[in-house]
Amino acid sequence: MIADKQIPVACLQFGQQKRELLQEKGLVPNYMSHMVNLFDFGLLPPAVLKRGMRMVLGLEEEDGVS
């Protein structure tokens, strides 16, 4: 079970690990929608939302510097 405070890290790890699969299967919009919903419910800070979206779109470098 994941606690609320672990959600940002879990989302970023999932996005990083599954980025290629999300892109191949056309699921990037689904990932983004899920991230926005988590943000709307106060479970994801804006910085994590932005970083997650940049990551799955391939706009963020692997080392986290963009």
N, C-alpha and C. Protein backbone atom coordinates (compact mmCIF):
# COMPACT_ATOMS: atom_id res chain seq x y z
N MET A 1 0.85 -1.18 0.00
CA MET A 1 0.00 0.00 0.00
C MET A 1 0.90 1.24 0.00
N ILE A 2 0.48 2.25 -0.74
CA ILE A 2 1.28 3.47 -0.86
C ILE A 2 0.61 4.59 -0.06
N ALA A 3 1.40 5.23 0.78
CA ALA A 3 0.90 6.38 1.54
C ALA A 3 0.86 7.60 0.64
N ASP A 4 0.03 8.58 1.02
CA ASP A 4 -0.11 9.80 0.22
C ASP A 4 1.22 10.48 -0.05
N LYS A 5 2.12 10.48 0.93
CA LYS A 5 3.40 11.17 0.74
C LYS A 5 4.33 10.44 -0.22
N GLN A 6 4.03 9.20 -0.54
CA GLN A 6 4.86 8.42 -1.46
C GLN A 6 4.39 8.54 -2.91
N ILE A 7 3.23 9.11 -3.13
CA ILE A 7 2.64 9.18 -4.46
C ILE A 7 3.53 9.95 -5.45
N PRO A 8 4.07 11.13 -5.09
CA PRO A 8 4.92 11.83 -6.07
C PRO A 8 6.11 11.00 -6.55
N VAL A 9 6.79 10.34 -5.63
CA VAL A 9 7.95 9.52 -6.01
C VAL A 9 7.51 8.34 -6.86
N ALA A 10 6.41 7.70 -6.48
CA ALA A 10 5.92 6.55 -7.25
C ALA A 10 5.53 6.95 -8.66
N CYS A 11 4.89 8.11 -8.82
CA CYS A 11 4.49 8.57 -10.16
C CYS A 11 5.70 8.86 -11.03
N LEU A 12 6.70 9.51 -10.46
CA LEU A 12 7.90 9.81 -11.23
C LEU A 12 8.67 8.55 -11.59
N GLN A 13 8.75 7.61 -10.66
CA GLN A 13 9.43 6.35 -10.96
C GLN A 13 8.71 5.59 -12.06
N PHE A 14 7.39 5.55 -11.98
CA PHE A 14 6.61 4.87 -13.01
C PHE A 14 6.82 5.52 -14.37
N GLY A 15 6.75 6.85 -14.41
CA GLY A 15 6.94 7.57 -15.67
C GLY A 15 8.32 7.33 -16.26
N GLN A 16 9.32 7.29 -15.40
CA GLN A 16 10.69 7.07 -15.87
C GLN A 16 10.88 5.64 -16.38
N GLN A 17 10.36 4.68 -15.63
CA GLN A 17 10.54 3.28 -15.99
C GLN A 17 9.70 2.86 -17.20
N LYS A 18 8.54 3.46 -17.37
CA LYS A 18 7.61 3.04 -18.42
C LYS A 18 7.45 4.06 -19.54
N ARG A 19 8.33 5.05 -19.60
CA ARG A 19 8.21 6.12 -20.60
C ARG A 19 8.11 5.57 -22.03
N GLU A 20 9.01 4.70 -22.39
CA GLU A 20 9.00 4.16 -23.75
C GLU A 20 7.72 3.38 -24.05
N LEU A 21 7.28 2.59 -23.09
CA LEU A 21 6.05 1.82 -23.28
C LEU A 21 4.84 2.75 -23.40
N LEU A 22 4.78 3.78 -22.56
CA LEU A 22 3.68 4.75 -22.64
C LEU A 22 3.64 5.41 -24.02
N GLN A 23 4.82 5.74 -24.54
CA GLN A 23 4.89 6.38 -25.85
C GLN A 23 4.50 5.40 -26.95
N GLU A 24 5.01 4.18 -26.89
CA GLU A 24 4.71 3.17 -27.92
C GLU A 24 3.23 2.86 -28.01
N LYS A 25 2.59 2.74 -26.86
CA LYS A 25 1.18 2.34 -26.80
C LYS A 25 0.22 3.53 -26.89
N GLY A 26 0.77 4.75 -26.98
CA GLY A 26 -0.09 5.93 -27.07
C GLY A 26 -0.80 6.26 -25.77
N LEU A 27 -0.16 5.93 -24.65
CA LEU A 27 -0.79 6.12 -23.34
C LEU A 27 -0.29 7.35 -22.59
N VAL A 28 0.49 8.18 -23.24
CA VAL A 28 0.99 9.39 -22.58
C VAL A 28 -0.17 10.28 -22.11
N PRO A 29 -1.21 10.50 -22.93
CA PRO A 29 -2.33 11.31 -22.44
C PRO A 29 -3.01 10.72 -21.20
N ASN A 30 -3.07 9.40 -21.11
CA ASN A 30 -3.65 8.76 -19.93
C ASN A 30 -2.80 9.02 -18.69
N TYR A 31 -1.49 8.90 -18.84
CA TYR A 31 -0.57 9.18 -17.74
C TYR A 31 -0.73 10.63 -17.29
N MET A 32 -0.78 11.54 -18.24
CA MET A 32 -0.92 12.96 -17.91
C MET A 32 -2.25 13.24 -17.22
N SER A 33 -3.31 12.63 -17.70
CA SER A 33 -4.62 12.80 -17.08
C SER A 33 -4.61 12.31 -15.63
N HIS A 34 -3.98 11.19 -15.41
CA HIS A 34 -3.87 10.65 -14.05
C HIS A 34 -3.08 11.60 -13.16
N MET A 35 -1.98 12.13 -13.68
CA MET A 35 -1.17 13.08 -12.91
C MET A 35 -1.97 14.34 -12.58
N VAL A 36 -2.73 14.86 -13.53
CA VAL A 36 -3.55 16.06 -13.30
C VAL A 36 -4.62 15.77 -12.24
N ASN A 37 -5.23 14.60 -12.30
CA ASN A 37 -6.22 14.24 -11.28
C ASN A 37 -5.59 14.20 -9.89
N LEU A 38 -4.40 13.63 -9.78
CA LEU A 38 -3.71 13.60 -8.50
C LEU A 38 -3.40 15.02 -8.02
N PHE A 39 -3.01 15.88 -8.94
CA PHE A 39 -2.76 17.29 -8.61
C PHE A 39 -4.05 17.97 -8.13
N ASP A 40 -5.15 17.75 -8.84
CA ASP A 40 -6.43 18.35 -8.48
C ASP A 40 -6.88 17.95 -7.07
N PHE A 41 -6.56 16.73 -6.67
CA PHE A 41 -6.94 16.25 -5.34
C PHE A 41 -5.89 16.54 -4.27
N GLY A 42 -4.87 17.33 -4.63
CA GLY A 42 -3.87 17.75 -3.66
C GLY A 42 -2.85 16.69 -3.30
N LEU A 43 -2.71 15.67 -4.13
CA LEU A 43 -1.77 14.59 -3.83
C LEU A 43 -0.44 14.74 -4.58
N LEU A 44 -0.37 15.73 -5.46
CA LEU A 44 0.82 15.92 -6.27
C LEU A 44 1.13 17.42 -6.33
N PRO A 45 2.33 17.81 -5.96
CA PRO A 45 2.69 19.24 -6.06
C PRO A 45 2.92 19.63 -7.52
N PRO A 46 2.78 20.92 -7.82
CA PRO A 46 2.94 21.39 -9.22
C PRO A 46 4.29 21.02 -9.84
N ALA A 47 5.36 21.07 -9.07
CA ALA A 47 6.69 20.76 -9.60
C ALA A 47 6.78 19.31 -10.07
N VAL A 48 6.16 18.41 -9.33
CA VAL A 48 6.18 16.99 -9.70
C VAL A 48 5.32 16.75 -10.93
N LEU A 49 4.19 17.44 -11.01
CA LEU A 49 3.33 17.35 -12.19
C LEU A 49 4.10 17.77 -13.44
N LYS A 50 4.77 18.91 -13.36
CA LYS A 50 5.54 19.43 -14.50
C LYS A 50 6.68 18.48 -14.87
N ARG A 51 7.39 18.00 -13.86
CA ARG A 51 8.53 17.11 -14.13
C ARG A 51 8.07 15.79 -14.75
N GLY A 52 6.97 15.25 -14.24
CA GLY A 52 6.44 13.99 -14.78
C GLY A 52 6.02 14.13 -16.23
N MET A 53 5.37 15.22 -16.54
CA MET A 53 4.94 15.44 -17.92
C MET A 53 6.13 15.64 -18.85
N ARG A 54 7.10 16.42 -18.41
CA ARG A 54 8.30 16.63 -19.23
C ARG A 54 9.04 15.32 -19.44
N MET A 55 9.06 14.48 -18.42
CA MET A 55 9.78 13.22 -18.50
C MET A 55 9.17 12.29 -19.56
N VAL A 56 7.85 12.09 -19.51
CA VAL A 56 7.24 11.16 -20.46
C VAL A 56 7.21 11.71 -21.88
N LEU A 57 7.31 13.02 -22.02
CA LEU A 57 7.37 13.62 -23.36
C LEU A 57 8.79 13.65 -23.91
N GLY A 58 9.76 13.25 -23.08
CA GLY A 58 11.15 13.24 -23.50
C GLY A 58 11.78 14.62 -23.50
N LEU A 59 11.24 15.55 -22.73
CA LEU A 59 11.77 16.90 -22.67
C LEU A 59 12.73 17.11 -21.51
N GLU A 60 12.89 16.10 -20.69
CA GLU A 60 13.78 16.21 -19.53
C GLU A 60 14.93 15.23 -19.69
N GLU A 61 16.11 15.69 -19.38
CA GLU A 61 17.30 14.84 -19.48
C GLU A 61 17.22 13.72 -18.46
N GLU A 62 17.95 12.64 -18.72
CA GLU A 62 17.96 11.47 -17.83
C GLU A 62 18.44 11.81 -16.43
N ASP A 63 19.39 12.74 -16.30
CA ASP A 63 19.93 13.06 -14.98
C ASP A 63 19.06 14.05 -14.22
N GLY A 64 17.92 14.42 -14.79
CA GLY A 64 16.97 15.30 -14.11
C GLY A 64 17.19 16.77 -14.40
N VAL A 65 18.20 17.10 -15.20
CA VAL A 65 18.46 18.50 -15.54
C VAL A 65 17.87 18.79 -16.90
N SER A 66 17.07 19.84 -16.99
CA SER A 66 16.46 20.15 -18.29
C SER A 66 16.90 21.52 -18.77
